[in-house]
Amino acid sequence: MASYRYLTSTASAPPPLVDSRIVENLHVAVSTVATPAASGRVSWAATWTLCWDPMPGAIGYDVQAMTSESASPRLKRVEAPCFSVELAAGEDLPADLPSKRDVQLSMQRSQLAYRVRADFGRNVVGSWSQAIDAGAPGVR
Protein backbone atom coordinates (compact mmCIF):
# COMPACT_ATOMS: atom_id res chain seq x y z
CA MET A 1 0.00 0.00 0.00
CA ALA A 2 1.36 3.40 -0.97
CA SER A 3 2.01 5.95 1.71
CA TYR A 4 1.31 9.61 1.03
CA ARG A 5 2.55 12.63 2.85
CA TYR A 6 0.81 15.93 2.40
CA LEU A 7 2.85 19.06 2.86
CA THR A 8 1.23 22.14 4.25
CA SER A 9 2.68 25.58 4.50
CA THR A 10 2.21 27.90 7.42
CA ALA A 11 3.70 30.79 5.46
CA SER A 12 1.21 33.34 4.22
CA ALA A 13 1.27 34.80 0.74
CA PRO A 14 3.43 37.89 0.38
CA PRO A 15 1.55 41.19 0.41
CA PRO A 16 0.76 42.49 -3.07
CA LEU A 17 2.93 45.08 -4.76
CA VAL A 18 1.06 48.38 -4.96
CA ASP A 19 1.02 50.29 -8.23
CA SER A 20 0.31 54.03 -7.96
CA ARG A 21 -2.56 53.95 -10.47
CA ILE A 22 -6.02 54.67 -9.02
CA VAL A 23 -9.38 53.93 -10.62
CA GLU A 24 -10.95 57.14 -11.92
CA ASN A 25 -14.34 58.69 -12.63
CA LEU A 26 -16.19 57.10 -9.74
CA HIS A 27 -19.94 57.59 -10.11
CA VAL A 28 -22.97 56.19 -8.36
CA ALA A 29 -26.62 55.52 -9.07
CA VAL A 30 -29.56 54.39 -6.98
CA SER A 31 -32.33 52.32 -8.53
CA THR A 32 -35.55 51.27 -6.85
CA VAL A 33 -37.74 48.34 -7.83
CA ALA A 34 -41.27 48.33 -6.43
CA THR A 35 -43.77 45.48 -6.65
CA PRO A 36 -47.44 46.05 -5.79
CA ALA A 37 -48.71 43.97 -2.88
CA ALA A 38 -52.28 42.74 -2.49
CA SER A 39 -52.76 45.05 0.51
CA GLY A 40 -52.42 48.19 -1.63
CA ARG A 41 -48.89 48.69 -0.38
CA VAL A 42 -45.70 48.18 -2.39
CA SER A 43 -42.76 45.97 -1.59
CA TRP A 44 -39.58 47.74 -2.66
CA ALA A 45 -35.81 47.48 -2.70
CA ALA A 46 -33.19 50.13 -3.47
CA THR A 47 -29.90 49.11 -5.04
CA TRP A 48 -26.85 51.37 -4.95
CA THR A 49 -24.32 50.95 -7.77
CA LEU A 50 -20.75 52.28 -7.78
CA CYS A 51 -19.01 52.33 -11.18
CA TRP A 52 -15.66 53.61 -12.46
CA ASP A 53 -13.70 53.80 -15.69
CA PRO A 54 -12.12 50.48 -16.71
CA MET A 55 -8.41 50.36 -15.88
CA PRO A 56 -6.16 49.20 -18.75
CA GLY A 57 -4.47 45.94 -17.82
CA ALA A 58 -6.79 45.15 -14.89
CA ILE A 59 -7.96 41.55 -14.58
CA GLY A 60 -10.53 42.47 -11.92
CA TYR A 61 -11.26 44.87 -9.10
CA ASP A 62 -11.26 44.58 -5.32
CA VAL A 63 -14.04 46.39 -3.45
CA GLN A 64 -13.68 46.97 0.28
CA ALA A 65 -16.41 47.94 2.74
CA MET A 66 -15.46 50.51 5.34
CA THR A 67 -17.15 51.60 8.55
CA SER A 68 -16.20 54.18 11.16
CA GLU A 69 -14.56 51.34 13.09
CA SER A 70 -12.35 49.83 10.37
CA ALA A 71 -11.94 48.56 6.85
CA SER A 72 -13.27 45.05 6.27
CA PRO A 73 -10.54 42.41 5.92
CA ARG A 74 -12.74 40.69 3.32
CA LEU A 75 -12.53 42.04 -0.20
CA LYS A 76 -15.29 41.58 -2.75
CA ARG A 77 -13.99 40.67 -6.21
CA VAL A 78 -15.74 42.03 -9.30
CA GLU A 79 -14.71 41.49 -12.90
CA ALA A 80 -16.53 44.47 -14.43
CA PRO A 81 -15.95 48.09 -13.33
CA CYS A 82 -19.17 48.26 -11.30
CA PHE A 83 -20.31 47.06 -7.87
CA SER A 84 -23.93 46.89 -6.67
CA VAL A 85 -25.44 46.32 -3.26
CA GLU A 86 -29.01 46.43 -1.94
CA LEU A 87 -29.00 49.08 0.76
CA ALA A 88 -32.65 49.64 1.60
CA ALA A 89 -35.92 47.73 1.40
CA GLY A 90 -39.39 47.78 2.83
CA GLU A 91 -43.14 47.57 2.30
CA ASP A 92 -45.02 50.85 2.41
CA LEU A 93 -47.84 52.84 0.90
CA PRO A 94 -46.81 54.04 -2.58
CA ALA A 95 -46.85 57.69 -1.48
CA ASP A 96 -44.52 56.92 1.46
CA LEU A 97 -41.93 54.99 -0.54
CA PRO A 98 -39.65 57.93 -1.54
CA SER A 99 -39.32 59.30 1.99
CA LYS A 100 -38.86 55.86 3.59
CA ARG A 101 -36.20 54.95 0.99
CA ASP A 102 -34.38 58.26 1.46
CA VAL A 103 -34.27 57.84 5.25
CA GLN A 104 -32.78 54.35 4.96
CA LEU A 105 -30.23 55.46 2.35
CA SER A 106 -29.25 58.41 4.54
CA MET A 107 -28.65 56.07 7.47
CA GLN A 108 -26.44 53.83 5.30
CA ARG A 109 -24.44 56.86 4.10
CA SER A 110 -23.52 57.67 7.68
CA GLN A 111 -22.42 54.11 8.49
CA LEU A 112 -20.89 52.50 5.41
CA ALA A 113 -18.53 53.40 2.56
CA TYR A 114 -16.78 51.49 -0.21
CA ARG A 115 -13.45 51.91 -1.96
CA VAL A 116 -12.02 50.10 -4.96
CA ARG A 117 -8.68 49.17 -6.51
CA ALA A 118 -7.61 47.42 -9.69
CA ASP A 119 -5.96 44.00 -9.69
CA PHE A 120 -3.33 43.67 -12.42
CA GLY A 121 -2.52 40.01 -11.70
CA ARG A 122 0.80 38.50 -10.60
CA ASN A 123 0.31 39.95 -7.12
CA VAL A 124 0.18 43.59 -8.30
CA VAL A 125 -2.72 45.86 -7.32
CA GLY A 126 -3.51 49.53 -7.81
CA SER A 127 -3.83 52.07 -5.04
CA TRP A 128 -7.18 52.40 -3.26
CA SER A 129 -9.66 54.96 -4.51
CA GLN A 130 -11.27 57.47 -2.22
CA ALA A 131 -14.05 55.98 -0.10
CA ILE A 132 -17.56 56.70 -1.36
CA ASP A 133 -20.41 56.72 1.16
CA ALA A 134 -22.86 53.90 0.46
CA GLY A 135 -26.19 55.34 -0.60
CA ALA A 136 -24.62 58.61 -1.74
CA PRO A 137 -26.16 59.88 -4.97
CA GLY A 138 -24.41 61.65 -7.82
CA VAL A 139 -21.05 61.71 -9.52
CA ARG A 140 -17.65 61.92 -7.78
C-alpha atoms as a PDB file:
ATOM      1  CA  MET A   1       0.000   0.000   0.000  1.00  0.00           C
ATOM      2  CA  ALA A   2       1.364   3.402  -0.973  1.00  0.00           C
ATOM      3  CA  SER A   3       2.007   5.951   1.715  1.00  0.00           C
ATOM      4  CA  TYR A   4       1.312   9.606   1.026  1.00  0.00           C
ATOM      5  CA  ARG A   5       2.552  12.632   2.850  1.00  0.00           C
ATOM      6  CA  TYR A   6       0.814  15.932   2.400  1.00  0.00           C
ATOM      7  CA  LEU A   7       2.849  19.063   2.857  1.00  0.00           C
ATOM      8  CA  THR A   8       1.225  22.145   4.253  1.00  0.00           C
ATOM      9  CA  SER A   9       2.678  25.582   4.496  1.00  0.00           C
ATOM     10  CA  THR A  10       2.209  27.903   7.415  1.00  0.00           C
ATOM     11  CA  ALA A  11       3.702  30.792   5.456  1.00  0.00           C
ATOM     12  CA  SER A  12       1.211  33.343   4.221  1.00  0.00           C
ATOM     13  CA  ALA A  13       1.272  34.799   0.738  1.00  0.00           C
ATOM     14  CA  PRO A  14       3.427  37.895   0.380  1.00  0.00           C
ATOM     15  CA  PRO A  15       1.547  41.191   0.407  1.00  0.00           C
ATOM     16  CA  PRO A  16       0.764  42.489  -3.071  1.00  0.00           C
ATOM     17  CA  LEU A  17       2.930  45.083  -4.760  1.00  0.00           C
ATOM     18  CA  VAL A  18       1.062  48.384  -4.956  1.00  0.00           C
ATOM     19  CA  ASP A  19       1.016  50.290  -8.230  1.00  0.00           C
ATOM     20  CA  SER A  20       0.312  54.028  -7.961  1.00  0.00           C
ATOM     21  CA  ARG A  21      -2.558  53.952 -10.472  1.00  0.00           C
ATOM     22  CA  ILE A  22      -6.017  54.669  -9.017  1.00  0.00           C
ATOM     23  CA  VAL A  23      -9.384  53.932 -10.624  1.00  0.00           C
ATOM     24  CA  GLU A  24     -10.955  57.138 -11.916  1.00  0.00           C
ATOM     25  CA  ASN A  25     -14.341  58.687 -12.633  1.00  0.00           C
ATOM     26  CA  LEU A  26     -16.195  57.096  -9.735  1.00  0.00           C
ATOM     27  CA  HIS A  27     -19.937  57.587 -10.111  1.00  0.00           C
ATOM     28  CA  VAL A  28     -22.967  56.187  -8.363  1.00  0.00           C
ATOM     29  CA  ALA A  29     -26.617  55.522  -9.072  1.00  0.00           C
ATOM     30  CA  VAL A  30     -29.561  54.391  -6.980  1.00  0.00           C
ATOM     31  CA  SER A  31     -32.333  52.322  -8.534  1.00  0.00           C
ATOM     32  CA  THR A  32     -35.548  51.265  -6.849  1.00  0.00           C
ATOM     33  CA  VAL A  33     -37.738  48.338  -7.833  1.00  0.00           C
ATOM     34  CA  ALA A  34     -41.273  48.333  -6.429  1.00  0.00           C
ATOM     35  CA  THR A  35     -43.770  45.484  -6.647  1.00  0.00           C
ATOM     36  CA  PRO A  36     -47.439  46.047  -5.789  1.00  0.00           C
ATOM     37  CA  ALA A  37     -48.711  43.975  -2.882  1.00  0.00           C
ATOM     38  CA  ALA A  38     -52.283  42.744  -2.490  1.00  0.00           C
ATOM     39  CA  SER A  39     -52.759  45.054   0.508  1.00  0.00           C
ATOM     40  CA  GLY A  40     -52.420  48.187  -1.626  1.00  0.00           C
ATOM     41  CA  ARG A  41     -48.886  48.688  -0.383  1.00  0.00           C
ATOM     42  CA  VAL A  42     -45.698  48.182  -2.386  1.00  0.00           C
ATOM     43  CA  SER A  43     -42.763  45.971  -1.586  1.00  0.00           C
ATOM     44  CA  TRP A  44     -39.584  47.741  -2.665  1.00  0.00           C
ATOM     45  CA  ALA A  45     -35.807  47.477  -2.696  1.00  0.00           C
ATOM     46  CA  ALA A  46     -33.195  50.134  -3.469  1.00  0.00           C
ATOM     47  CA  THR A  47     -29.900  49.111  -5.045  1.00  0.00           C
ATOM     48  CA  TRP A  48     -26.846  51.374  -4.953  1.00  0.00           C
ATOM     49  CA  THR A  49     -24.319  50.945  -7.766  1.00  0.00           C
ATOM     50  CA  LEU A  50     -20.752  52.279  -7.779  1.00  0.00           C
ATOM     51  CA  CYS A  51     -19.005  52.333 -11.181  1.00  0.00           C
ATOM     52  CA  TRP A  52     -15.662  53.610 -12.457  1.00  0.00           C
ATOM     53  CA  ASP A  53     -13.695  53.799 -15.691  1.00  0.00           C
ATOM     54  CA  PRO A  54     -12.115  50.479 -16.713  1.00  0.00           C
ATOM     55  CA  MET A  55      -8.405  50.365 -15.878  1.00  0.00           C
ATOM     56  CA  PRO A  56      -6.164  49.204 -18.751  1.00  0.00           C
ATOM     57  CA  GLY A  57      -4.471  45.940 -17.819  1.00  0.00           C
ATOM     58  CA  ALA A  58      -6.792  45.148 -14.895  1.00  0.00           C
ATOM     59  CA  ILE A  59      -7.956  41.553 -14.584  1.00  0.00           C
ATOM     60  CA  GLY A  60     -10.526  42.469 -11.923  1.00  0.00           C
ATOM     61  CA  TYR A  61     -11.260  44.868  -9.104  1.00  0.00           C
ATOM     62  CA  ASP A  62     -11.260  44.582  -5.319  1.00  0.00           C
ATOM     63  CA  VAL A  63     -14.043  46.391  -3.450  1.00  0.00           C
ATOM     64  CA  GLN A  64     -13.677  46.965   0.277  1.00  0.00           C
ATOM     65  CA  ALA A  65     -16.409  47.939   2.738  1.00  0.00           C
ATOM     66  CA  MET A  66     -15.458  50.511   5.343  1.00  0.00           C
ATOM     67  CA  THR A  67     -17.151  51.603   8.547  1.00  0.00           C
ATOM     68  CA  SER A  68     -16.197  54.175  11.155  1.00  0.00           C
ATOM     69  CA  GLU A  69     -14.557  51.339  13.086  1.00  0.00           C
ATOM     70  CA  SER A  70     -12.354  49.831  10.369  1.00  0.00           C
ATOM     71  CA  ALA A  71     -11.936  48.559   6.848  1.00  0.00           C
ATOM     72  CA  SER A  72     -13.272  45.054   6.269  1.00  0.00           C
ATOM     73  CA  PRO A  73     -10.537  42.412   5.924  1.00  0.00           C
ATOM     74  CA  ARG A  74     -12.739  40.690   3.318  1.00  0.00           C
ATOM     75  CA  LEU A  75     -12.527  42.037  -0.199  1.00  0.00           C
ATOM     76  CA  LYS A  76     -15.290  41.577  -2.747  1.00  0.00           C
ATOM     77  CA  ARG A  77     -13.985  40.675  -6.206  1.00  0.00           C
ATOM     78  CA  VAL A  78     -15.742  42.031  -9.300  1.00  0.00           C
ATOM     79  CA  GLU A  79     -14.709  41.487 -12.903  1.00  0.00           C
ATOM     80  CA  ALA A  80     -16.533  44.468 -14.432  1.00  0.00           C
ATOM     81  CA  PRO A  81     -15.946  48.086 -13.331  1.00  0.00           C
ATOM     82  CA  CYS A  82     -19.169  48.256 -11.297  1.00  0.00           C
ATOM     83  CA  PHE A  83     -20.310  47.060  -7.873  1.00  0.00           C
ATOM     84  CA  SER A  84     -23.934  46.890  -6.669  1.00  0.00           C
ATOM     85  CA  VAL A  85     -25.438  46.319  -3.257  1.00  0.00           C
ATOM     86  CA  GLU A  86     -29.012  46.427  -1.945  1.00  0.00           C
ATOM     87  CA  LEU A  87     -29.003  49.084   0.760  1.00  0.00           C
ATOM     88  CA  ALA A  88     -32.650  49.638   1.595  1.00  0.00           C
ATOM     89  CA  ALA A  89     -35.918  47.729   1.405  1.00  0.00           C
ATOM     90  CA  GLY A  90     -39.394  47.782   2.825  1.00  0.00           C
ATOM     91  CA  GLU A  91     -43.142  47.575   2.300  1.00  0.00           C
ATOM     92  CA  ASP A  92     -45.018  50.854   2.409  1.00  0.00           C
ATOM     93  CA  LEU A  93     -47.840  52.839   0.901  1.00  0.00           C
ATOM     94  CA  PRO A  94     -46.807  54.041  -2.576  1.00  0.00           C
ATOM     95  CA  ALA A  95     -46.846  57.694  -1.479  1.00  0.00           C
ATOM     96  CA  ASP A  96     -44.521  56.925   1.459  1.00  0.00           C
ATOM     97  CA  LEU A  97     -41.929  54.987  -0.545  1.00  0.00           C
ATOM     98  CA  PRO A  98     -39.646  57.932  -1.538  1.00  0.00           C
ATOM     99  CA  SER A  99     -39.316  59.304   1.990  1.00  0.00           C
ATOM    100  CA  LYS A 100     -38.861  55.862   3.587  1.00  0.00           C
ATOM    101  CA  ARG A 101     -36.203  54.949   0.994  1.00  0.00           C
ATOM    102  CA  ASP A 102     -34.376  58.260   1.458  1.00  0.00           C
ATOM    103  CA  VAL A 103     -34.272  57.839   5.251  1.00  0.00           C
ATOM    104  CA  GLN A 104     -32.783  54.349   4.956  1.00  0.00           C
ATOM    105  CA  LEU A 105     -30.227  55.464   2.351  1.00  0.00           C
ATOM    106  CA  SER A 106     -29.253  58.410   4.540  1.00  0.00           C
ATOM    107  CA  MET A 107     -28.649  56.065   7.470  1.00  0.00           C
ATOM    108  CA  GLN A 108     -26.438  53.832   5.298  1.00  0.00           C
ATOM    109  CA  ARG A 109     -24.445  56.859   4.099  1.00  0.00           C
ATOM    110  CA  SER A 110     -23.520  57.672   7.680  1.00  0.00           C
ATOM    111  CA  GLN A 111     -22.417  54.107   8.487  1.00  0.00           C
ATOM    112  CA  LEU A 112     -20.885  52.497   5.410  1.00  0.00           C
ATOM    113  CA  ALA A 113     -18.532  53.397   2.565  1.00  0.00           C
ATOM    114  CA  TYR A 114     -16.779  51.487  -0.207  1.00  0.00           C
ATOM    115  CA  ARG A 115     -13.454  51.908  -1.955  1.00  0.00           C
ATOM    116  CA  VAL A 116     -12.018  50.095  -4.965  1.00  0.00           C
ATOM    117  CA  ARG A 117      -8.679  49.171  -6.510  1.00  0.00           C
ATOM    118  CA  ALA A 118      -7.610  47.418  -9.693  1.00  0.00           C
ATOM    119  CA  ASP A 119      -5.961  43.998  -9.694  1.00  0.00           C
ATOM    120  CA  PHE A 120      -3.327  43.669 -12.422  1.00  0.00           C
ATOM    121  CA  GLY A 121      -2.519  40.014 -11.699  1.00  0.00           C
ATOM    122  CA  ARG A 122       0.796  38.499 -10.604  1.00  0.00           C
ATOM    123  CA  ASN A 123       0.307  39.950  -7.115  1.00  0.00           C
ATOM    124  CA  VAL A 124       0.177  43.587  -8.300  1.00  0.00           C
ATOM    125  CA  VAL A 125      -2.724  45.862  -7.324  1.00  0.00           C
ATOM    126  CA  GLY A 126      -3.509  49.534  -7.813  1.00  0.00           C
ATOM    127  CA  SER A 127      -3.833  52.069  -5.040  1.00  0.00           C
ATOM    128  CA  TRP A 128      -7.179  52.395  -3.261  1.00  0.00           C
ATOM    129  CA  SER A 129      -9.663  54.958  -4.514  1.00  0.00           C
ATOM    130  CA  GLN A 130     -11.267  57.470  -2.221  1.00  0.00           C
ATOM    131  CA  ALA A 131     -14.049  55.979  -0.099  1.00  0.00           C
ATOM    132  CA  ILE A 132     -17.564  56.696  -1.361  1.00  0.00           C
ATOM    133  CA  ASP A 133     -20.410  56.723   1.158  1.00  0.00           C
ATOM    134  CA  ALA A 134     -22.862  53.903   0.460  1.00  0.00           C
ATOM    135  CA  GLY A 135     -26.191  55.338  -0.596  1.00  0.00           C
ATOM    136  CA  ALA A 136     -24.618  58.605  -1.743  1.00  0.00           C
ATOM    137  CA  PRO A 137     -26.161  59.882  -4.966  1.00  0.00           C
ATOM    138  CA  GLY A 138     -24.413  61.646  -7.823  1.00  0.00           C
ATOM    139  CA  VAL A 139     -21.049  61.712  -9.520  1.00  0.00           C
ATOM    140  CA  ARG A 140     -17.654  61.921  -7.776  1.00  0.00           C
END
